[in-house]
């Protein structure tokens, strides 16, 4: 398999236009950490967007960050953490799930998959924080949509269309996302349960209570026994994990 790695939008557009003219399929990848996600694609060429990397603009006061689609997620998270901010949709690292190295995900891949984490039911999905982009469509045409402001309502909301499209509609080169202040404090509460039925019932009851819970998970006993956290492994049973976030007083 051949891998092409353009370094500019013009070069990317020329590659895609040539592929379109010769009816040659290509798979769009960032760093390949989610290559096992979705339907397998039969293709002779991989189009890598890893060259479109780096934070282009970050305005903490405006809660907006713009970066190349191939920018590692770890780079973005580090920049946000330095300002006490974060990606509220909490993207997860799928690399190890599909047999890849951890910490190699890119922001473009996360948005193309609309990939969110445990905070999704409480804060929203990746698509809800996707403000704008630059991209190349399937005919090799460069276009952009959205903008670099939080209250962006002009025209069609194409970022939401591309979120979750798995790279089938366009090759992203630059993306803009909304960021939010990170919680001042987080604490995870572990509650032993006998089985999934009891765990499910306890989770529902607690999520409907007044606690500031922004993440919940059920761990079967076999999974908990393999945990690298001594406290989780030492309980010797299935458990539910509830994460509390907010002001220090509310997480005591």
C-alpha atoms as a PDB file:
ATOM      1  CA  UNK A   1       0.000   0.000   0.000  1.00  0.00           C
ATOM      2  CA  UNK A   2       1.234   3.467  -0.944  1.00  0.00           C
ATOM      3  CA  UNK A   3       1.037   6.329   1.562  1.00  0.00           C
ATOM      4  CA  UNK A   4       0.889   9.914   0.343  1.00  0.00           C
ATOM      5  CA  UNK A   5       1.630  12.712   2.825  1.00  0.00           C
ATOM      6  CA  UNK A   6       0.920  16.189   1.394  1.00  0.00           C
ATOM      7  CA  UNK A   7       2.262  19.227   3.224  1.00  0.00           C
ATOM      8  CA  UNK A   8      -0.046  21.928   1.849  1.00  0.00           C
ATOM      9  CA  UNK A   9      -3.699  22.291   0.917  1.00  0.00           C
ATOM     10  CA  UNK A  10      -2.746  22.845  -2.710  1.00  0.00           C
ATOM     11  CA  UNK A  11      -0.722  19.638  -2.812  1.00  0.00           C
ATOM     12  CA  UNK A  12      -3.564  17.768  -1.123  1.00  0.00           C
ATOM     13  CA  UNK A  13      -6.070  19.186  -3.601  1.00  0.00           C
ATOM     14  CA  UNK A  14      -3.934  18.079  -6.562  1.00  0.00           C
ATOM     15  CA  UNK A  15      -3.647  14.531  -5.161  1.00  0.00           C
ATOM     16  CA  UNK A  16      -7.383  14.236  -4.586  1.00  0.00           C
ATOM     17  CA  UNK A  17      -8.241  15.756  -7.967  1.00  0.00           C
ATOM     18  CA  UNK A  18      -5.980  13.224  -9.702  1.00  0.00           C
ATOM     19  CA  UNK A  19      -7.537  10.360  -7.754  1.00  0.00           C
ATOM     20  CA  UNK A  20     -11.018  11.615  -8.675  1.00  0.00           C
ATOM     21  CA  UNK A  21     -10.106  11.877 -12.354  1.00  0.00           C
ATOM     22  CA  UNK A  22      -8.726   8.321 -12.425  1.00  0.00           C
ATOM     23  CA  UNK A  23     -11.459   6.840 -10.186  1.00  0.00           C
ATOM     24  CA  UNK A  24      -8.855   5.735  -7.638  1.00  0.00           C
ATOM     25  CA  UNK A  25     -10.085   5.298  -4.018  1.00  0.00           C
ATOM     26  CA  UNK A  26      -8.001   6.501  -1.088  1.00  0.00           C
ATOM     27  CA  UNK A  27      -8.278   6.099   2.671  1.00  0.00           C
ATOM     28  CA  UNK A  28      -7.820   9.286   4.690  1.00  0.00           C
ATOM     29  CA  UNK A  29      -5.797   8.805   7.870  1.00  0.00           C
ATOM     30  CA  UNK A  30      -4.240  10.948  10.571  1.00  0.00           C
ATOM     31  CA  UNK A  31      -1.997   8.555  12.450  1.00  0.00           C
ATOM     32  CA  UNK A  32      -4.116   5.456  11.939  1.00  0.00           C
ATOM     33  CA  UNK A  33      -5.189   4.951  15.552  1.00  0.00           C
ATOM     34  CA  UNK A  34      -8.824   4.398  14.560  1.00  0.00           C
ATOM     35  CA  UNK A  35      -8.170   2.279  11.470  1.00  0.00           C
ATOM     36  CA  UNK A  36     -10.281  -0.526  12.935  1.00  0.00           C
ATOM     37  CA  UNK A  37     -13.281   1.762  13.395  1.00  0.00           C
ATOM     38  CA  UNK A  38     -16.216   1.346  11.004  1.00  0.00           C
ATOM     39  CA  UNK A  39     -16.430  -0.523   7.708  1.00  0.00           C
ATOM     40  CA  UNK A  40     -13.173  -1.736   6.163  1.00  0.00           C
ATOM     41  CA  UNK A  41     -12.110   0.191   3.048  1.00  0.00           C
ATOM     42  CA  UNK A  42     -10.539  -1.508   0.042  1.00  0.00           C
ATOM     43  CA  UNK A  43      -7.947   0.979  -1.156  1.00  0.00           C
ATOM     44  CA  UNK A  44      -4.488   0.971  -2.744  1.00  0.00           C
ATOM     45  CA  UNK A  45      -3.500   4.388  -1.366  1.00  0.00           C
ATOM     46  CA  UNK A  46      -3.532   5.918   2.121  1.00  0.00           C
ATOM     47  CA  UNK A  47      -3.719   9.712   2.262  1.00  0.00           C
ATOM     48  CA  UNK A  48      -2.002  10.866   5.454  1.00  0.00           C
ATOM     49  CA  UNK A  49      -2.956  14.239   6.931  1.00  0.00           C
ATOM     50  CA  UNK A  50      -0.293  14.063   9.639  1.00  0.00           C
ATOM     51  CA  UNK A  51       1.618  16.866   7.892  1.00  0.00           C
ATOM     52  CA  UNK A  52      -1.114  19.366   8.770  1.00  0.00           C
ATOM     53  CA  UNK A  53       0.067  19.655  12.343  1.00  0.00           C
ATOM     54  CA  UNK A  54       0.440  22.408  14.897  1.00  0.00           C
ATOM     55  CA  UNK A  55      -1.706  24.862  16.834  1.00  0.00           C
ATOM     56  CA  UNK A  56      -2.524  27.767  14.525  1.00  0.00           C
ATOM     57  CA  UNK A  57      -4.372  30.044  16.937  1.00  0.00           C
ATOM     58  CA  UNK A  58      -5.432  29.751  20.558  1.00  0.00           C
ATOM     59  CA  UNK A  59      -7.378  32.459  22.369  1.00  0.00           C
ATOM     60  CA  UNK A  60      -8.043  31.285  25.942  1.00  0.00           C
ATOM     61  CA  UNK A  61     -10.181  34.329  26.720  1.00  0.00           C
ATOM     62  CA  UNK A  62     -12.385  33.571  23.717  1.00  0.00           C
ATOM     63  CA  UNK A  63     -12.524  29.806  24.445  1.00  0.00           C
ATOM     64  CA  UNK A  64     -11.492  28.979  20.867  1.00  0.00           C
ATOM     65  CA  UNK A  65      -8.582  26.940  19.490  1.00  0.00           C
ATOM     66  CA  UNK A  66      -7.572  26.362  15.860  1.00  0.00           C
ATOM     67  CA  UNK A  67      -5.113  23.655  14.829  1.00  0.00           C
ATOM     68  CA  UNK A  68      -4.044  21.565  11.897  1.00  0.00           C
ATOM     69  CA  UNK A  69      -6.153  18.428  11.551  1.00  0.00           C
ATOM     70  CA  UNK A  70      -3.073  16.241  12.037  1.00  0.00           C
ATOM     71  CA  UNK A  71      -2.110  17.848  15.360  1.00  0.00           C
ATOM     72  CA  UNK A  72      -1.652  15.228  18.088  1.00  0.00           C
ATOM     73  CA  UNK A  73      -4.397  15.368  20.676  1.00  0.00           C
ATOM     74  CA  UNK A  74      -1.762  15.313  23.428  1.00  0.00           C
ATOM     75  CA  UNK A  75      -0.278  18.582  22.135  1.00  0.00           C
ATOM     76  CA  UNK A  76      -3.666  20.273  22.227  1.00  0.00           C
ATOM     77  CA  UNK A  77      -4.521  18.922  25.672  1.00  0.00           C
ATOM     78  CA  UNK A  78      -1.189  20.135  27.059  1.00  0.00           C
ATOM     79  CA  UNK A  79      -1.738  23.645  25.699  1.00  0.00           C
ATOM     80  CA  UNK A  80      -5.243  23.763  27.150  1.00  0.00           C
ATOM     81  CA  UNK A  81      -4.163  22.400  30.536  1.00  0.00           C
ATOM     82  CA  UNK A  82      -1.593  25.182  30.837  1.00  0.00           C
ATOM     83  CA  UNK A  83      -4.504  27.651  30.698  1.00  0.00           C
ATOM     84  CA  UNK A  84      -6.805  25.656  32.968  1.00  0.00           C
ATOM     85  CA  UNK A  85      -9.017  24.602  30.063  1.00  0.00           C
ATOM     86  CA  UNK A  86      -9.952  21.356  28.328  1.00  0.00           C
ATOM     87  CA  UNK A  87     -11.938  19.681  25.557  1.00  0.00           C
ATOM     88  CA  UNK A  88     -15.217  19.200  27.386  1.00  0.00           C
ATOM     89  CA  UNK A  89     -16.319  16.288  25.187  1.00  0.00           C
ATOM     90  CA  UNK A  90     -13.345  14.371  26.575  1.00  0.00           C
ATOM     91  CA  UNK A  91     -12.122  12.357  23.563  1.00  0.00           C
ATOM     92  CA  UNK A  92     -10.813   8.898  24.382  1.00  0.00           C
ATOM     93  CA  UNK A  93      -7.629   7.304  23.074  1.00  0.00           C
ATOM     94  CA  UNK A  94      -8.690   4.426  20.805  1.00  0.00           C
ATOM     95  CA  UNK A  95      -5.141   3.465  19.830  1.00  0.00           C
ATOM     96  CA  UNK A  96      -4.633   0.634  22.348  1.00  0.00           C
ATOM     97  CA  UNK A  97      -8.125  -0.726  21.585  1.00  0.00           C
ATOM     98  CA  UNK A  98      -7.093  -1.376  17.982  1.00  0.00           C
ATOM     99  CA  UNK A  99      -3.570  -2.546  18.784  1.00  0.00           C
ATOM    100  CA  UNK A 100      -1.750   0.775  18.269  1.00  0.00           C
ATOM    101  CA  UNK A 101       0.478   2.803  20.551  1.00  0.00           C
ATOM    102  CA  UNK A 102      -1.274   5.188  22.967  1.00  0.00           C
ATOM    103  CA  UNK A 103      -1.232   8.984  22.687  1.00  0.00           C
ATOM    104  CA  UNK A 104      -1.116   9.117  18.889  1.00  0.00           C
ATOM    105  CA  UNK A 105      -4.645  10.320  18.141  1.00  0.00           C
ATOM    106  CA  UNK A 106      -5.099  13.545  16.153  1.00  0.00           C
ATOM    107  CA  UNK A 107      -7.730  16.234  16.564  1.00  0.00           C
ATOM    108  CA  UNK A 108      -8.888  15.745  12.972  1.00  0.00           C
ATOM    109  CA  UNK A 109      -9.408  12.032  13.491  1.00  0.00           C
ATOM    110  CA  UNK A 110     -11.352  12.661  16.702  1.00  0.00           C
ATOM    111  CA  UNK A 111     -13.707  15.088  14.953  1.00  0.00           C
ATOM    112  CA  UNK A 112     -14.043  12.967  11.808  1.00  0.00           C
ATOM    113  CA  UNK A 113     -15.226  10.112  14.037  1.00  0.00           C
ATOM    114  CA  UNK A 114     -17.276  12.389  16.329  1.00  0.00           C
ATOM    115  CA  UNK A 115     -15.460  10.623  19.138  1.00  0.00           C
ATOM    116  CA  UNK A 116     -16.463  11.574  22.683  1.00  0.00           C
ATOM    117  CA  UNK A 117     -15.747  10.159  26.118  1.00  0.00           C
ATOM    118  CA  UNK A 118     -17.466   9.688  29.472  1.00  0.00           C
ATOM    119  CA  UNK A 119     -18.544  13.317  29.700  1.00  0.00           C
ATOM    120  CA  UNK A 120     -20.600  13.016  26.493  1.00  0.00           C
ATOM    121  CA  UNK A 121     -24.066  12.705  28.154  1.00  0.00           C
ATOM    122  CA  UNK A 122     -23.374  15.725  30.347  1.00  0.00           C
ATOM    123  CA  UNK A 123     -21.346  18.132  28.169  1.00  0.00           C
ATOM    124  CA  UNK A 124     -22.241  17.144  24.614  1.00  0.00           C
ATOM    125  CA  UNK A 125     -20.539  15.357  21.730  1.00  0.00           C
ATOM    126  CA  UNK A 126     -17.488  16.376  19.720  1.00  0.00           C
ATOM    127  CA  UNK A 127     -19.795  17.765  17.002  1.00  0.00           C
ATOM    128  CA  UNK A 128     -21.209  20.261  19.508  1.00  0.00           C
ATOM    129  CA  UNK A 129     -17.746  21.826  19.946  1.00  0.00           C
ATOM    130  CA  UNK A 130     -16.719  21.757  16.257  1.00  0.00           C
ATOM    131  CA  UNK A 131     -16.894  25.390  15.089  1.00  0.00           C
ATOM    132  CA  UNK A 132     -15.175  25.476  11.717  1.00  0.00           C
ATOM    133  CA  UNK A 133     -12.725  23.876   9.305  1.00  0.00           C
ATOM    134  CA  UNK A 134     -10.670  24.056   6.123  1.00  0.00           C
ATOM    135  CA  UNK A 135     -10.854  20.979   3.913  1.00  0.00           C
ATOM    136  CA  UNK A 136     -10.559  19.479   0.438  1.00  0.00           C
ATOM    137  CA  UNK A 137     -13.623  17.754  -1.007  1.00  0.00           C
ATOM    138  CA  UNK A 138     -13.732  14.602  -3.123  1.00  0.00           C
ATOM    139  CA  UNK A 139     -13.222  16.539  -6.358  1.00  0.00           C
ATOM    140  CA  UNK A 140     -10.053  18.209  -5.152  1.00  0.00           C
ATOM    141  CA  UNK A 141     -11.674  21.552  -4.362  1.00  0.00           C
ATOM    142  CA  UNK A 142     -10.466  23.564  -1.354  1.00  0.00           C
ATOM    143  CA  UNK A 143     -13.260  24.958   0.796  1.00  0.00           C
ATOM    144  CA  UNK A 144     -13.973  26.111   4.325  1.00  0.00           C
ATOM    145  CA  UNK A 145     -16.990  26.430   6.596  1.00  0.00           C
ATOM    146  CA  UNK A 146     -17.831  27.783  10.022  1.00  0.00           C
ATOM    147  CA  UNK A 147     -15.563  30.223  11.783  1.00  0.00           C
ATOM    148  CA  UNK A 148     -13.380  31.032  14.759  1.00  0.00           C
ATOM    149  CA  UNK A 149     -16.067  32.346  17.084  1.00  0.00           C
ATOM    150  CA  UNK A 150     -18.266  30.479  19.541  1.00  0.00           C
ATOM    151  CA  UNK A 151     -21.498  32.149  18.371  1.00  0.00           C
ATOM    152  CA  UNK A 152     -21.138  31.155  14.744  1.00  0.00           C
ATOM    153  CA  UNK A 153     -24.513  30.826  13.002  1.00  0.00           C
ATOM    154  CA  UNK A 154     -23.787  31.986   9.457  1.00  0.00           C
ATOM    155  CA  UNK A 155     -24.802  29.651   6.615  1.00  0.00           C
ATOM    156  CA  UNK A 156     -25.030  25.876   6.752  1.00  0.00           C
ATOM    157  CA  UNK A 157     -23.573  24.141   9.800  1.00  0.00           C
ATOM    158  CA  UNK A 158     -21.169  21.959   7.814  1.00  0.00           C
ATOM    159  CA  UNK A 159     -18.918  21.101  10.792  1.00  0.00           C
ATOM    160  CA  UNK A 160     -21.761  19.001  12.204  1.00  0.00           C
ATOM    161  CA  UNK A 161     -22.107  17.268   8.842  1.00  0.00           C
ATOM    162  CA  UNK A 162     -18.429  16.335   8.746  1.00  0.00           C
ATOM    163  CA  UNK A 163     -18.341  15.233  12.391  1.00  0.00           C
ATOM    164  CA  UNK A 164     -18.774  11.475  12.270  1.00  0.00           C
ATOM    165  CA  UNK A 165     -18.417  11.250   8.484  1.00  0.00           C
ATOM    166  CA  UNK A 166     -15.250   9.141   8.921  1.00  0.00           C
ATOM    167  CA  UNK A 167     -13.397  11.048   6.207  1.00  0.00           C
ATOM    168  CA  UNK A 168     -15.887  10.118   3.474  1.00  0.00           C
ATOM    169  CA  UNK A 169     -17.003  13.677   2.687  1.00  0.00           C
ATOM    170  CA  UNK A 170     -13.772  15.686   2.856  1.00  0.00           C
ATOM    171  CA  UNK A 171     -10.163  15.666   3.956  1.00  0.00           C
ATOM    172  CA  UNK A 172      -9.815  18.061   6.890  1.00  0.00           C
ATOM    173  CA  UNK A 173      -6.712  20.249   6.966  1.00  0.00           C
ATOM    174  CA  UNK A 174      -7.549  22.727   9.749  1.00  0.00           C
ATOM    175  CA  UNK A 175     -10.174  22.650  12.494  1.00  0.00           C
ATOM    176  CA  UNK A 176     -11.501  25.087  15.072  1.00  0.00           C
ATOM    177  CA  UNK A 177     -13.035  23.893  18.322  1.00  0.00           C
ATOM    178  CA  UNK A 178     -14.672  25.465  21.337  1.00  0.00           C
ATOM    179  CA  UNK A 179     -12.929  24.800  24.649  1.00  0.00           C
ATOM    180  CA  UNK A 180     -14.134  25.237  28.227  1.00  0.00           C
ATOM    181  CA  UNK A 181     -12.602  25.822  31.666  1.00  0.00           C
ATOM    182  CA  UNK A 182     -11.489  22.552  33.245  1.00  0.00           C
ATOM    183  CA  UNK A 183     -13.073  21.478  36.549  1.00  0.00           C
ATOM    184  CA  UNK A 184     -11.233  22.770  39.594  1.00  0.00           C
ATOM    185  CA  UNK A 185     -11.297  19.345  41.200  1.00  0.00           C
ATOM    186  CA  UNK A 186     -12.229  15.765  40.295  1.00  0.00           C
ATOM    187  CA  UNK A 187     -12.798  12.761  42.488  1.00  0.00           C
ATOM    188  CA  UNK A 188     -13.801   9.206  41.515  1.00  0.00           C
ATOM    189  CA  UNK A 189     -16.023   7.198  43.837  1.00  0.00           C
ATOM    190  CA  UNK A 190     -15.922   3.381  43.597  1.00  0.00           C
ATOM    191  CA  UNK A 191     -18.968   1.389  44.698  1.00  0.00           C
ATOM    192  CA  UNK A 192     -18.831  -2.449  44.808  1.00  0.00           C
ATOM    193  CA  UNK A 193     -21.875  -4.190  43.264  1.00  0.00           C
ATOM    194  CA  UNK A 194     -22.838  -7.828  42.858  1.00  0.00           C
ATOM    195  CA  UNK A 195     -23.600  -7.836  39.139  1.00  0.00           C
ATOM    196  CA  UNK A 196     -24.503  -5.709  36.106  1.00  0.00           C
ATOM    197  CA  UNK A 197     -28.190  -5.463  37.049  1.00  0.00           C
ATOM    198  CA  UNK A 198     -27.417  -4.019  40.466  1.00  0.00           C
ATOM    199  CA  UNK A 199     -24.725  -1.768  39.022  1.00  0.00           C
ATOM    200  CA  UNK A 200     -27.119  -0.425  36.383  1.00  0.00           C
ATOM    201  CA  UNK A 201     -29.802   0.305  38.965  1.00  0.00           C
ATOM    202  CA  UNK A 202     -27.362   2.072  41.314  1.00  0.00           C
ATOM    203  CA  UNK A 203     -25.925   4.168  38.497  1.00  0.00           C
ATOM    204  CA  UNK A 204     -29.367   5.343  37.372  1.00  0.00           C
ATOM    205  CA  UNK A 205     -30.380   6.245  40.917  1.00  0.00           C
ATOM    206  CA  UNK A 206     -27.179   8.193  41.599  1.00  0.00           C
ATOM    207  CA  UNK A 207     -27.185   9.982  38.234  1.00  0.00           C
ATOM    208  CA  UNK A 208     -30.690  11.228  38.991  1.00  0.00           C
ATOM    209  CA  UNK A 209     -29.583  12.589  42.361  1.00  0.00           C
ATOM    210  CA  UNK A 210     -28.158  16.044  43.086  1.00  0.00           C
ATOM    211  CA  UNK A 211     -24.494  15.028  42.793  1.00  0.00           C
ATOM    212  CA  UNK A 212     -22.285  16.741  40.167  1.00  0.00           C
ATOM    213  CA  UNK A 213     -21.480  13.493  38.337  1.00  0.00           C
ATOM    214  CA  UNK A 214     -19.927  13.900  34.889  1.00  0.00           C
ATOM    215  CA  UNK A 215     -18.716  10.373  34.228  1.00  0.00           C
ATOM    216  CA  UNK A 216     -19.986   6.898  35.086  1.00  0.00           C
ATOM    217  CA  UNK A 217     -18.829   3.388  34.227  1.00  0.00           C
ATOM    218  CA  UNK A 218     -19.580  -0.209  35.174  1.00  0.00           C
ATOM    219  CA  UNK A 219     -16.626  -2.608  35.516  1.00  0.00           C
ATOM    220  CA  UNK A 220     -17.387  -6.349  35.580  1.00  0.00           C
ATOM    221  CA  UNK A 221     -15.421  -8.280  38.187  1.00  0.00           C
ATOM    222  CA  UNK A 222     -13.130  -9.821  35.547  1.00  0.00           C
ATOM    223  CA  UNK A 223     -12.273  -6.395  34.139  1.00  0.00           C
ATOM    224  CA  UNK A 224     -11.732  -4.824  37.561  1.00  0.00           C
ATOM    225  CA  UNK A 225      -9.388  -7.698  38.477  1.00  0.00           C
ATOM    226  CA  UNK A 226      -7.085  -6.714  35.581  1.00  0.00           C
ATOM    227  CA  UNK A 227      -6.921  -3.043  36.547  1.00  0.00           C
ATOM    228  CA  UNK A 228      -3.575  -1.402  37.141  1.00  0.00           C
ATOM    229  CA  UNK A 229      -5.102   0.548  40.044  1.00  0.00           C
ATOM    230  CA  UNK A 230      -4.622  -1.308  43.330  1.00  0.00           C
ATOM    231  CA  UNK A 231      -7.855  -0.017  44.857  1.00  0.00           C
ATOM    232  CA  UNK A 232      -9.942  -1.131  41.879  1.00  0.00           C
ATOM    233  CA  UNK A 233      -8.275  -4.528  41.677  1.00  0.00           C
ATOM    234  CA  UNK A 234      -8.384  -5.056  45.440  1.00  0.00           C
ATOM    235  CA  UNK A 235     -12.164  -4.775  45.779  1.00  0.00           C
ATOM    236  CA  UNK A 236     -12.530  -8.260  44.308  1.00  0.00           C
ATOM    237  CA  UNK A 237     -15.949  -7.602  42.789  1.00  0.00           C
ATOM    238  CA  UNK A 238     -17.772  -5.789  40.050  1.00  0.00           C
ATOM    239  CA  UNK A 239     -18.041  -2.077  40.675  1.00  0.00           C
ATOM    240  CA  UNK A 240     -19.360   1.200  39.390  1.00  0.00           C
ATOM    241  CA  UNK A 241     -17.124   4.240  39.116  1.00  0.00           C
ATOM    242  CA  UNK A 242     -18.650   7.694  39.418  1.00  0.00           C
ATOM    243  CA  UNK A 243     -16.627  10.823  38.751  1.00  0.00           C
ATOM    244  CA  UNK A 244     -17.491  14.044  40.555  1.00  0.00           C
ATOM    245  CA  UNK A 245     -16.279  17.357  39.129  1.00  0.00           C
ATOM    246  CA  UNK A 246     -16.623  20.927  40.228  1.00  0.00           C
ATOM    247  CA  UNK A 247     -15.535  23.263  42.979  1.00  0.00           C
ATOM    248  CA  UNK A 248     -13.323  21.717  45.703  1.00  0.00           C
ATOM    249  CA  UNK A 249     -16.106  21.915  48.273  1.00  0.00           C
ATOM    250  CA  UNK A 250     -18.549  19.948  46.126  1.00  0.00           C
ATOM    251  CA  UNK A 251     -16.037  17.121  45.519  1.00  0.00           C
ATOM    252  CA  UNK A 252     -14.840  16.672  49.107  1.00  0.00           C
END
